[in-house]
Amino acid sequence: MKEQITALVKKEFQRLQWLSFAILVLAFFILVAAFYYVVGVLLGNPLTNWMTGLVITSLLFLGVTVIIFALMAQADDRLTTKINRTVYDETHDLEAANKRLKSLQELASIMRATLSFERVVEEALNVCNQALIDSGTPRESLISTVFLFAGETLRPVATRSFSGSDLDRRIPGKRGIVGKALRDVVVTVSNNVERDPEIRTFSAFRSCQIAICIPLRAGFNIFGAMLIASKTAVQLNEEHYELFSSVADQAVISLQNARLYQELDAEKQRLIDANENARKELARDLHDGPTQSIAAIAMRINFIRSLVTRDPDQAIMELQKVEELAKQTSKEIRGMLFTLRPLILETQGLQAAIETVITRLRETDGLNVQLNGGEHANLLDDAAQSVVFSIVEEALGNARKYSQANQIEVRFWKEENLFVARIQDDGVGFDTQDVNRDYSSRGSLGMVNMRERAERIDGSLRVESTPKQGTTITLVVPLEKHGRPFAAGVYRKPTTTP
């Protein structure tokens, strides 16, 4: 391309030179004719008198012509050199921009093809390094890494020119160039790398003159940072900053997708585990409850058969016992079916469903359970009511099994723009710290299950308990996200907090 532009310019300049030459030749003949006409014809001087002047004038004209063509030749050389330099610079910039575009396209292709953020951050590091190499920075002078948060510290997950000891090093990401980049959320440059309180701990960076830190942050989510350092000086321009920001945005999208995928996979596994645990618990309850009761009924019926002719009165008494046992078994089965799918929740709402659970606990376990403020349940939409029901039922189930309480209270109320549910008992209580430490071994049931359900409706769950002083579980749900549209005249009763 450069050769074509140079040949075109030279061709046009040659045309200009020939045109100039033709104009000068024409001007020379016009000069000679004018000299002859004025001096020879009008003034009547003989040829011998003005020939010398004509020769001198012609020589002067020729000298001026030579000077003009010499200047034009120099201008041609200077213009050709300048054009070549400009074309080279523009071509180099265009090639660099084309490489960056291809790198960004490759980065986007990797993002489309995989959910592995490791490949994406590797390619992001390549794109940033290549941009500096295209600007004249030697490849061997570049040292770079991508830091991602692992807990409270940053660890290198993709590196270039790192030694073995640096690969295992961690930094807090609070001070120096990394801390400033993460706080200000801008590409940050430091020319004092050897004094940086954090990155100087890496031996690979100690001989670098300049470091560039690119934050990987989206909103309030901080994933980490890319750090690129050079042992030689680097000339940065606005295009570099724009490229770094674009690459960081692409990398953050990949990190967000990877996190969402991991959370989705974890939620999927949690649901599978919860379903399996529910199946095991249901099987255990069926075995310990209705199955044993039905087996007892069958045995009593067999016994009654032998009593029908031998002792009719005792047979009647046994039939009454079988009847009571059958009724009790029927209640247990209805309770299990209610737990599996509380149809009353779908048809009559949260208040009626909770009252049904309380009635069942009173009848089967003799518990003193009270519901206060049940009318506030209608503030929630259907999805939130279903989640709140599951949490309250779980809390009541735990109280039934472990609390040994004399009294259990379920209370609903509205506080500002929040729905609040509280389950409180006067039972034996427990040590919440022990429960929190044992979350990993408890699986997804119990308190962990209730917290996870609360998070689905953007709620918060607080568990307060002390040994021998009872337990209080408080659930708070934002009505602006999960409340029903307010209907005039529906909630006339003023809301109060206990």
Protein backbone atom coordinates (compact mmCIF):
# COMPACT_ATOMS: atom_id res chain seq x y z
CA MET A 1 0.00 0.00 0.00
CA LYS A 2 2.84 2.38 0.89
CA GLU A 3 4.62 1.68 -2.43
CA GLN A 4 1.42 2.34 -4.40
CA ILE A 5 0.82 5.69 -2.70
CA THR A 6 4.50 6.68 -3.21
CA ALA A 7 4.39 5.77 -6.96
CA LEU A 8 1.14 7.69 -7.39
CA VAL A 9 2.57 10.81 -5.74
CA LYS A 10 5.80 10.59 -7.77
CA LYS A 11 3.81 10.20 -10.98
CA GLU A 12 1.70 13.25 -10.21
CA PHE A 13 4.82 15.24 -9.27
CA GLN A 14 6.48 14.31 -12.57
CA ARG A 15 3.40 15.53 -14.41
CA LEU A 16 3.65 18.78 -12.46
CA GLN A 17 7.34 19.08 -13.40
CA TRP A 18 6.63 18.56 -17.12
CA LEU A 19 3.78 21.03 -16.98
CA SER A 20 6.04 23.55 -15.27
CA PHE A 21 8.73 22.94 -17.88
CA ALA A 22 6.26 23.50 -20.72
CA ILE A 23 5.03 26.71 -19.10
CA LEU A 24 8.61 27.98 -18.68
CA VAL A 25 9.48 27.15 -22.31
CA LEU A 26 6.38 28.98 -23.46
CA ALA A 27 7.26 31.86 -21.20
CA PHE A 28 10.79 31.94 -22.68
CA PHE A 29 9.51 32.23 -26.26
CA ILE A 30 7.00 34.86 -25.19
CA LEU A 31 9.87 36.76 -23.54
CA VAL A 32 12.04 36.59 -26.67
CA ALA A 33 9.15 37.70 -28.90
CA ALA A 34 8.29 40.57 -26.56
CA PHE A 35 11.94 41.67 -26.40
CA TYR A 36 12.20 41.64 -30.19
CA TYR A 37 8.95 43.52 -30.66
CA VAL A 38 9.66 46.21 -28.12
CA VAL A 39 13.37 46.79 -28.75
CA GLY A 40 13.65 45.89 -32.42
CA VAL A 41 10.33 46.98 -33.89
CA LEU A 42 9.00 49.76 -31.68
CA LEU A 43 12.35 51.30 -30.77
CA GLY A 44 13.97 50.48 -34.18
CA ASN A 45 17.29 49.25 -32.75
CA PRO A 46 19.30 46.95 -34.99
CA LEU A 47 19.80 43.30 -33.98
CA THR A 48 23.47 43.80 -33.03
CA ASN A 49 22.53 46.39 -30.43
CA TRP A 50 20.03 44.30 -28.42
CA MET A 51 21.29 40.75 -29.03
CA THR A 52 23.63 40.92 -26.01
CA GLY A 53 20.77 41.96 -23.71
CA LEU A 54 18.60 39.15 -25.04
CA VAL A 55 21.32 36.58 -24.35
CA ILE A 56 21.85 37.87 -20.81
CA THR A 57 18.10 37.83 -20.15
CA SER A 58 17.81 34.31 -21.54
CA LEU A 59 20.65 33.08 -19.32
CA LEU A 60 19.04 34.65 -16.26
CA PHE A 61 15.73 33.02 -17.17
CA LEU A 62 17.46 29.67 -17.62
CA GLY A 63 19.18 30.02 -14.24
CA VAL A 64 15.89 30.76 -12.54
CA THR A 65 14.38 27.73 -14.27
CA VAL A 66 17.19 25.47 -13.03
CA ILE A 67 16.75 26.80 -9.48
CA ILE A 68 12.98 26.21 -9.65
CA PHE A 69 13.44 22.62 -10.83
CA ALA A 70 16.07 21.98 -8.15
CA LEU A 71 13.72 23.25 -5.48
CA MET A 72 10.93 21.12 -6.92
CA ALA A 73 13.19 18.04 -6.80
CA GLN A 74 14.01 18.72 -3.12
CA ALA A 75 10.33 19.26 -2.40
CA ASP A 76 9.60 15.97 -4.14
CA ASP A 77 12.09 14.15 -1.93
CA ARG A 78 10.79 15.78 1.25
CA LEU A 79 7.16 15.15 0.30
CA THR A 80 7.89 11.52 -0.57
CA THR A 81 9.68 11.00 2.76
CA LYS A 82 6.86 12.65 4.71
CA ILE A 83 4.21 10.68 2.85
CA ASN A 84 6.09 7.44 3.46
CA ARG A 85 6.39 8.25 7.16
CA THR A 86 2.71 9.23 7.43
CA VAL A 87 1.58 6.19 5.49
CA TYR A 88 3.76 3.97 7.66
CA ASP A 89 2.40 5.47 10.89
CA GLU A 90 -1.20 5.26 9.70
CA THR A 91 -0.71 1.73 8.40
CA HIS A 92 0.92 0.69 11.66
CA ASP A 93 -1.92 2.25 13.68
CA LEU A 94 -4.46 0.59 11.41
CA GLU A 95 -2.77 -2.79 11.75
CA ALA A 96 -2.62 -2.36 15.53
CA ALA A 97 -6.30 -1.39 15.65
CA ASN A 98 -7.13 -4.37 13.46
CA LYS A 99 -5.19 -6.67 15.80
CA ARG A 100 -7.00 -5.22 18.81
CA LEU A 101 -10.32 -5.68 17.06
CA LYS A 102 -9.48 -9.30 16.27
CA SER A 103 -8.40 -9.83 19.86
CA LEU A 104 -11.68 -8.40 21.14
CA GLN A 105 -13.56 -10.59 18.67
CA GLU A 106 -11.60 -13.61 19.91
CA LEU A 107 -12.43 -12.63 23.48
CA ALA A 108 -16.11 -12.37 22.60
CA SER A 109 -15.98 -15.73 20.81
CA ILE A 110 -14.45 -17.36 23.87
CA MET A 111 -17.18 -15.84 26.04
CA ARG A 112 -19.85 -17.26 23.75
CA ALA A 113 -18.21 -20.68 23.58
CA THR A 114 -17.44 -21.34 27.22
CA LEU A 115 -18.46 -20.55 30.79
CA SER A 116 -14.88 -20.99 31.95
CA PHE A 117 -13.76 -17.59 33.24
CA GLU A 118 -10.14 -18.84 33.33
CA ARG A 119 -9.96 -18.86 29.52
CA VAL A 120 -11.57 -15.43 29.34
CA VAL A 121 -9.15 -13.76 31.75
CA GLU A 122 -6.23 -15.41 29.96
CA GLU A 123 -7.40 -13.93 26.66
CA ALA A 124 -8.09 -10.56 28.32
CA LEU A 125 -4.50 -10.50 29.54
CA ASN A 126 -3.29 -11.33 26.02
CA VAL A 127 -5.29 -8.46 24.50
CA CYS A 128 -3.91 -5.88 26.94
CA ASN A 129 -0.34 -7.12 26.53
CA GLN A 130 -0.62 -7.11 22.74
CA ALA A 131 -1.82 -3.49 22.75
CA LEU A 132 1.37 -2.43 24.54
CA ILE A 133 3.54 -4.60 22.28
CA ASP A 134 1.99 -2.98 19.22
CA SER A 135 2.91 0.41 20.70
CA GLY A 136 6.57 -0.54 20.78
CA THR A 137 6.95 -2.11 24.21
CA PRO A 138 9.21 -5.19 24.03
CA ARG A 139 7.33 -8.38 24.79
CA GLU A 140 10.06 -9.66 27.10
CA SER A 141 9.77 -6.58 29.32
CA LEU A 142 6.08 -7.14 30.14
CA ILE A 143 5.00 -8.85 33.36
CA SER A 144 1.29 -9.21 34.01
CA THR A 145 -1.34 -11.04 36.00
CA VAL A 146 -5.05 -11.19 36.73
CA PHE A 147 -5.95 -11.06 40.42
CA LEU A 148 -9.29 -12.43 41.63
CA PHE A 149 -10.65 -12.34 45.14
CA ALA A 150 -10.45 -15.58 47.11
CA GLY A 151 -12.18 -14.68 50.33
CA GLU A 152 -10.62 -11.46 51.62
CA THR A 153 -7.41 -11.60 49.56
CA LEU A 154 -6.44 -11.38 45.89
CA ARG A 155 -4.76 -14.35 44.26
CA PRO A 156 -3.17 -14.54 40.76
CA VAL A 157 -5.21 -16.77 38.43
CA ALA A 158 -3.58 -15.88 35.09
CA THR A 159 0.03 -14.79 34.83
CA ARG A 160 2.80 -13.83 32.40
CA SER A 161 6.50 -14.09 33.36
CA PHE A 162 5.75 -15.07 36.97
CA SER A 163 8.08 -17.20 39.06
CA GLY A 164 6.96 -20.14 41.16
CA SER A 165 6.95 -18.36 44.52
CA ASP A 166 4.85 -15.47 43.18
CA LEU A 167 2.11 -17.85 42.04
CA ASP A 168 1.23 -18.72 45.65
CA ARG A 169 1.40 -15.17 47.00
CA ARG A 170 -1.70 -13.25 48.13
CA ILE A 171 -2.36 -9.53 48.62
CA PRO A 172 -5.26 -7.77 50.39
CA GLY A 173 -5.88 -5.27 47.57
CA LYS A 174 -6.34 -2.37 49.98
CA ARG A 175 -3.26 -0.21 49.36
CA GLY A 176 -1.05 0.97 46.54
CA ILE A 177 -2.02 0.95 42.89
CA VAL A 178 -4.37 -2.03 43.27
CA GLY A 179 -6.24 -0.51 46.20
CA LYS A 180 -6.60 2.84 44.43
CA ALA A 181 -7.85 1.22 41.20
CA LEU A 182 -10.47 -0.82 43.07
CA ARG A 183 -11.64 2.17 45.12
CA ASP A 184 -11.83 4.66 42.23
CA VAL A 185 -12.92 2.07 39.60
CA VAL A 186 -10.60 3.58 36.97
CA VAL A 187 -7.49 2.43 35.14
CA THR A 188 -4.62 3.50 37.39
CA VAL A 189 -0.94 3.99 36.46
CA SER A 190 2.05 4.01 38.81
CA ASN A 191 5.64 4.99 37.97
CA ASN A 192 6.87 4.08 41.44
CA VAL A 193 6.45 0.32 41.39
CA GLU A 194 9.39 -0.52 43.63
CA ARG A 195 7.73 1.39 46.50
CA ASP A 196 4.22 0.01 46.10
CA PRO A 197 3.30 -1.60 49.46
CA GLU A 198 1.56 -4.61 47.90
CA ILE A 199 2.87 -5.45 44.45
CA ARG A 200 6.51 -5.05 45.49
CA THR A 201 6.01 -8.27 47.47
CA PHE A 202 6.07 -10.04 44.08
CA SER A 203 9.65 -10.52 42.93
CA ALA A 204 8.57 -10.33 39.28
CA PHE A 205 7.48 -6.67 39.65
CA ARG A 206 10.50 -5.32 41.54
CA SER A 207 12.48 -4.42 38.40
CA CYS A 208 9.54 -2.74 36.62
CA GLN A 209 9.40 0.98 35.85
CA ILE A 210 5.66 1.32 35.30
CA ALA A 211 2.52 -0.60 36.29
CA ILE A 212 -1.03 -0.33 34.98
CA CYS A 213 -3.92 -1.63 37.10
CA ILE A 214 -7.30 -2.28 35.46
CA PRO A 215 -10.14 -2.91 37.96
CA LEU A 216 -12.59 -5.76 37.39
CA ARG A 217 -15.67 -4.36 39.05
CA ALA A 218 -19.37 -4.17 38.19
CA GLY A 219 -21.49 -2.00 40.45
CA PHE A 220 -20.84 -3.12 44.01
CA ASN A 221 -19.36 -6.45 42.89
CA ILE A 222 -15.56 -6.40 42.96
CA PHE A 223 -14.03 -9.42 41.24
CA GLY A 224 -10.38 -8.37 41.18
CA ALA A 225 -7.96 -6.52 38.90
CA MET A 226 -5.59 -6.92 35.95
CA LEU A 227 -2.06 -5.70 36.57
CA ILE A 228 0.37 -5.10 33.70
CA ALA A 229 3.91 -3.89 34.40
CA SER A 230 6.89 -3.15 32.17
CA LYS A 231 10.63 -3.03 32.75
CA THR A 232 10.87 -0.29 30.11
CA ALA A 233 9.00 2.98 29.66
CA VAL A 234 5.54 2.76 28.10
CA GLN A 235 3.79 5.50 26.15
CA LEU A 236 0.09 5.34 26.93
CA ASN A 237 -2.63 7.17 25.03
CA GLU A 238 -6.38 7.50 25.19
CA GLU A 239 -6.87 4.47 22.94
CA HIS A 240 -5.03 2.29 25.44
CA TYR A 241 -7.29 3.40 28.28
CA GLU A 242 -10.39 2.76 26.17
CA LEU A 243 -9.13 -0.69 25.21
CA PHE A 244 -8.28 -1.60 28.80
CA SER A 245 -11.74 -0.51 29.96
CA SER A 246 -13.44 -2.48 27.18
CA VAL A 247 -11.45 -5.62 27.97
CA ALA A 248 -12.24 -5.25 31.66
CA ASP A 249 -15.96 -4.93 30.88
CA GLN A 250 -15.86 -8.12 28.81
CA ALA A 251 -13.95 -9.98 31.52
CA VAL A 252 -16.40 -8.82 34.20
CA ILE A 253 -19.35 -10.07 32.13
CA SER A 254 -17.67 -13.47 31.92
CA LEU A 255 -16.97 -13.49 35.66
CA GLN A 256 -20.59 -12.59 36.37
CA ASN A 257 -21.79 -15.36 34.07
CA ALA A 258 -19.44 -17.84 35.74
CA ARG A 259 -20.66 -16.81 39.18
CA LEU A 260 -24.31 -17.05 38.12
CA TYR A 261 -23.65 -20.47 36.60
CA GLN A 262 -21.94 -21.66 39.78
CA GLU A 263 -24.80 -20.33 41.89
CA LEU A 264 -27.33 -21.94 39.57
CA ASP A 265 -25.46 -25.23 39.69
CA ALA A 266 -25.22 -25.00 43.48
CA GLU A 267 -28.94 -24.18 43.70
CA LYS A 268 -29.72 -27.11 41.43
CA GLN A 269 -27.67 -29.42 43.62
CA ARG A 270 -29.27 -27.94 46.73
CA LEU A 271 -32.73 -28.62 45.32
CA ILE A 272 -31.72 -32.17 44.43
CA ASP A 273 -30.37 -32.70 47.95
CA ALA A 274 -33.44 -31.08 49.49
CA ASN A 275 -35.72 -33.28 47.40
CA GLU A 276 -33.75 -36.38 48.38
CA ASN A 277 -33.81 -35.39 52.04
CA ALA A 278 -37.54 -34.71 51.82
CA ARG A 279 -38.09 -38.13 50.25
CA LYS A 280 -36.03 -39.78 52.99
CA GLU A 281 -37.86 -37.85 55.69
CA LEU A 282 -41.23 -38.72 54.17
CA ALA A 283 -40.24 -42.38 53.95
CA ARG A 284 -39.08 -42.29 57.55
CA ASP A 285 -42.29 -40.60 58.70
CA LEU A 286 -44.40 -43.09 56.76
CA HIS A 287 -42.46 -45.99 58.25
CA ASP A 288 -42.60 -44.66 61.80
CA GLY A 289 -46.19 -43.41 61.57
CA PRO A 290 -48.92 -44.66 59.20
CA THR A 291 -47.08 -47.85 58.26
CA GLN A 292 -46.76 -48.92 61.87
CA SER A 293 -50.34 -47.88 62.56
CA ILE A 294 -51.69 -49.85 59.60
CA ALA A 295 -49.66 -52.88 60.67
CA ALA A 296 -51.16 -52.54 64.17
CA ILE A 297 -54.65 -52.26 62.68
CA ALA A 298 -54.09 -55.44 60.67
CA MET A 299 -52.90 -57.28 63.76
CA ARG A 300 -55.88 -56.08 65.82
CA ILE A 301 -58.32 -57.06 63.08
CA ASN A 302 -56.79 -60.52 63.03
CA PHE A 303 -57.16 -60.66 66.82
CA ILE A 304 -60.78 -59.42 66.60
CA ARG A 305 -61.57 -62.20 64.11
CA SER A 306 -60.62 -64.73 66.75
CA LEU A 307 -62.75 -62.92 69.35
CA VAL A 308 -65.95 -62.60 67.32
CA THR A 309 -67.29 -66.02 68.29
CA ARG A 310 -65.37 -66.53 71.51
CA ASP A 311 -65.83 -63.12 73.25
CA PRO A 312 -68.11 -60.72 71.31
CA ASP A 313 -67.97 -58.00 74.00
CA GLN A 314 -64.19 -57.81 73.92
CA ALA A 315 -64.32 -57.88 70.13
CA ILE A 316 -66.50 -54.76 70.15
CA MET A 317 -64.03 -53.04 72.49
CA GLU A 318 -61.16 -53.97 70.19
CA LEU A 319 -63.10 -52.61 67.21
CA GLN A 320 -63.43 -49.29 69.00
CA LYS A 321 -59.65 -49.22 69.53
CA VAL A 322 -59.13 -50.03 65.85
CA GLU A 323 -61.49 -47.21 64.91
CA GLU A 324 -59.54 -44.71 67.03
CA LEU A 325 -56.26 -45.95 65.58
CA ALA A 326 -57.63 -45.63 62.03
CA LYS A 327 -58.77 -42.06 62.72
CA GLN A 328 -55.36 -41.17 64.13
CA THR A 329 -53.65 -42.72 61.11
CA SER A 330 -55.96 -40.78 58.79
CA LYS A 331 -54.99 -37.54 60.53
CA GLU A 332 -51.29 -38.36 60.17
CA ILE A 333 -51.68 -39.07 56.46
CA ARG A 334 -53.68 -35.87 55.93
CA GLY A 335 -50.95 -33.96 57.75
CA MET A 336 -48.29 -35.42 55.47
CA LEU A 337 -50.35 -34.62 52.38
CA PHE A 338 -50.84 -31.08 53.66
CA THR A 339 -47.10 -30.69 54.08
CA LEU A 340 -46.44 -31.98 50.57
CA ARG A 341 -49.01 -29.68 48.96
CA PRO A 342 -51.06 -27.31 51.12
CA LEU A 343 -54.02 -26.73 48.81
CA ILE A 344 -55.59 -24.42 51.37
CA LEU A 345 -52.66 -22.04 50.85
CA GLU A 346 -53.54 -21.78 47.16
CA THR A 347 -57.27 -21.39 47.72
CA GLN A 348 -57.60 -19.46 51.00
CA GLY A 349 -54.21 -17.87 51.57
CA LEU A 350 -51.43 -17.82 54.14
CA GLN A 351 -53.54 -17.09 57.21
CA ALA A 352 -55.84 -20.08 56.68
CA ALA A 353 -52.87 -22.36 55.92
CA ILE A 354 -51.03 -21.36 59.11
CA GLU A 355 -54.22 -21.81 61.16
CA THR A 356 -54.57 -25.32 59.70
CA VAL A 357 -51.00 -26.18 60.73
CA ILE A 358 -51.65 -24.81 64.23
CA THR A 359 -54.87 -26.82 64.54
CA ARG A 360 -53.04 -29.99 63.53
CA LEU A 361 -50.30 -29.35 66.10
CA ARG A 362 -52.89 -28.83 68.80
CA GLU A 363 -54.72 -32.04 67.94
CA THR A 364 -51.77 -34.35 67.33
CA ASP A 365 -49.18 -32.98 69.78
CA GLY A 366 -51.28 -31.02 72.26
CA LEU A 367 -49.17 -27.88 71.73
CA ASN A 368 -50.39 -24.46 72.81
CA VAL A 369 -49.87 -22.47 69.60
CA GLN A 370 -51.41 -19.06 68.90
CA LEU A 371 -51.59 -16.95 65.69
CA ASN A 372 -51.86 -13.17 66.08
CA GLY A 373 -52.09 -10.62 63.27
CA GLY A 374 -52.98 -13.26 60.69
CA GLU A 375 -54.85 -10.70 58.57
CA HIS A 376 -51.52 -9.08 57.64
CA ALA A 377 -50.64 -12.19 55.62
CA ASN A 378 -52.75 -10.76 52.78
CA LEU A 379 -50.17 -8.00 52.31
CA LEU A 380 -47.90 -10.51 50.54
CA ASP A 381 -48.23 -11.73 46.98
CA ASP A 382 -48.85 -15.42 46.28
CA ALA A 383 -45.20 -16.37 45.76
CA ALA A 384 -44.10 -14.70 48.99
CA GLN A 385 -46.97 -16.28 50.93
CA SER A 386 -45.81 -19.72 49.80
CA VAL A 387 -42.24 -19.05 50.99
CA VAL A 388 -43.37 -17.54 54.30
CA PHE A 389 -45.62 -20.56 54.88
CA SER A 390 -42.67 -22.93 54.34
CA ILE A 391 -40.50 -20.96 56.78
CA VAL A 392 -43.20 -20.74 59.47
CA GLU A 393 -44.06 -24.44 59.08
CA GLU A 394 -40.36 -25.36 59.35
CA ALA A 395 -39.98 -23.19 62.47
CA LEU A 396 -43.08 -24.73 64.07
CA GLY A 397 -41.85 -28.20 63.19
CA ASN A 398 -38.50 -27.51 64.86
CA ALA A 399 -40.29 -26.12 67.92
CA ARG A 400 -42.48 -29.23 68.09
CA LYS A 401 -39.49 -31.57 67.89
CA TYR A 402 -36.89 -29.82 70.02
CA SER A 403 -38.22 -26.88 72.06
CA GLN A 404 -40.30 -28.66 74.74
CA ALA A 405 -42.23 -25.38 74.86
CA ASN A 406 -45.37 -24.74 76.87
CA GLN A 407 -46.44 -21.91 74.54
CA ILE A 408 -45.64 -20.99 70.95
CA GLU A 409 -46.74 -17.75 69.32
CA VAL A 410 -46.84 -16.87 65.60
CA ARG A 411 -47.30 -13.14 65.00
CA PHE A 412 -47.57 -11.15 61.75
CA TRP A 413 -47.42 -7.37 61.47
CA LYS A 414 -46.52 -4.54 59.12
CA GLU A 415 -43.72 -2.14 59.99
CA GLU A 416 -43.31 0.78 57.55
CA ASN A 417 -42.96 -0.96 54.17
CA LEU A 418 -41.99 -4.33 55.61
CA PHE A 419 -43.89 -7.50 56.43
CA VAL A 420 -42.65 -9.08 59.65
CA ALA A 421 -43.30 -12.60 60.90
CA ARG A 422 -42.15 -13.80 64.30
CA ILE A 423 -42.23 -17.34 65.73
CA GLN A 424 -41.48 -17.35 69.45
CA ASP A 425 -41.48 -20.15 72.05
CA ASP A 426 -40.65 -20.46 75.74
CA GLY A 427 -38.81 -23.75 75.34
CA VAL A 428 -35.35 -25.00 76.21
CA GLY A 429 -33.60 -22.92 73.54
CA PHE A 430 -30.15 -23.68 72.10
CA ASP A 431 -26.72 -22.19 71.43
CA THR A 432 -26.94 -20.40 68.07
CA GLN A 433 -23.13 -20.30 67.71
CA ASP A 434 -22.95 -24.08 67.85
CA VAL A 435 -25.64 -24.31 65.17
CA ASN A 436 -23.86 -21.80 62.94
CA ARG A 437 -20.57 -23.69 63.25
CA ASP A 438 -22.33 -26.92 62.32
CA TYR A 439 -24.00 -25.60 59.12
CA SER A 440 -21.69 -27.52 56.82
CA SER A 441 -22.64 -30.85 58.38
CA ARG A 442 -26.33 -30.10 58.78
CA GLY A 443 -27.00 -29.97 55.06
CA SER A 444 -29.74 -27.80 53.56
CA LEU A 445 -32.46 -28.44 56.15
CA GLY A 446 -33.30 -26.69 59.39
CA MET A 447 -32.09 -23.15 59.92
CA VAL A 448 -30.05 -23.14 56.71
CA ASN A 449 -33.13 -24.08 54.72
CA MET A 450 -35.15 -21.25 56.24
CA ARG A 451 -32.41 -18.68 55.52
CA GLU A 452 -32.14 -19.78 51.90
CA ARG A 453 -35.90 -19.55 51.46
CA ALA A 454 -35.91 -16.05 52.95
CA GLU A 455 -33.27 -14.96 50.44
CA ARG A 456 -35.52 -16.03 47.55
CA ILE A 457 -37.96 -13.25 48.45
CA ASP A 458 -35.23 -10.72 49.30
CA GLY A 459 -35.98 -11.22 52.98
CA SER A 460 -33.83 -11.58 56.06
CA LEU A 461 -34.07 -14.14 58.83
CA ARG A 462 -32.82 -13.61 62.36
CA VAL A 463 -32.59 -16.45 64.88
CA GLU A 464 -32.25 -15.55 68.56
CA SER A 465 -31.98 -18.25 71.17
CA THR A 466 -30.39 -18.88 74.53
CA PRO A 467 -30.35 -22.19 76.43
CA LYS A 468 -33.33 -22.42 78.83
CA GLN A 469 -34.72 -19.08 77.61
CA GLY A 470 -36.60 -20.03 74.45
CA THR A 471 -36.19 -19.21 70.79
CA THR A 472 -37.33 -16.32 68.58
CA ILE A 473 -37.22 -16.46 64.77
CA THR A 474 -37.95 -13.19 62.94
CA LEU A 475 -38.55 -12.95 59.19
CA VAL A 476 -38.63 -9.58 57.39
CA VAL A 477 -39.90 -9.27 53.79
CA PRO A 478 -39.84 -6.01 51.74
CA LEU A 479 -43.39 -5.25 50.56
CA GLU A 480 -42.17 -3.00 47.73
CA LYS A 481 -40.91 -6.14 45.99
CA HIS A 482 -43.27 -8.85 47.23
CA GLY A 483 -46.38 -7.04 48.40
CA ARG A 484 -49.81 -6.96 46.79
CA PRO A 485 -50.96 -3.69 45.18
CA PHE A 486 -52.70 -1.72 47.93
CA ALA A 487 -56.47 -1.79 47.57
CA ALA A 488 -58.50 0.98 49.20
CA GLY A 489 -60.58 -0.19 52.12
CA VAL A 490 -58.93 -3.59 52.39
CA TYR A 491 -56.49 -2.88 55.21
CA ARG A 492 -58.35 -0.44 57.38
CA LYS A 493 -57.09 -1.76 60.68
CA PRO A 494 -54.07 0.25 61.88
CA THR A 495 -50.92 -1.77 62.12
CA THR A 496 -49.01 -1.90 65.36
CA THR A 497 -45.88 -3.63 66.47
CA PRO A 498 -45.91 -5.74 69.58
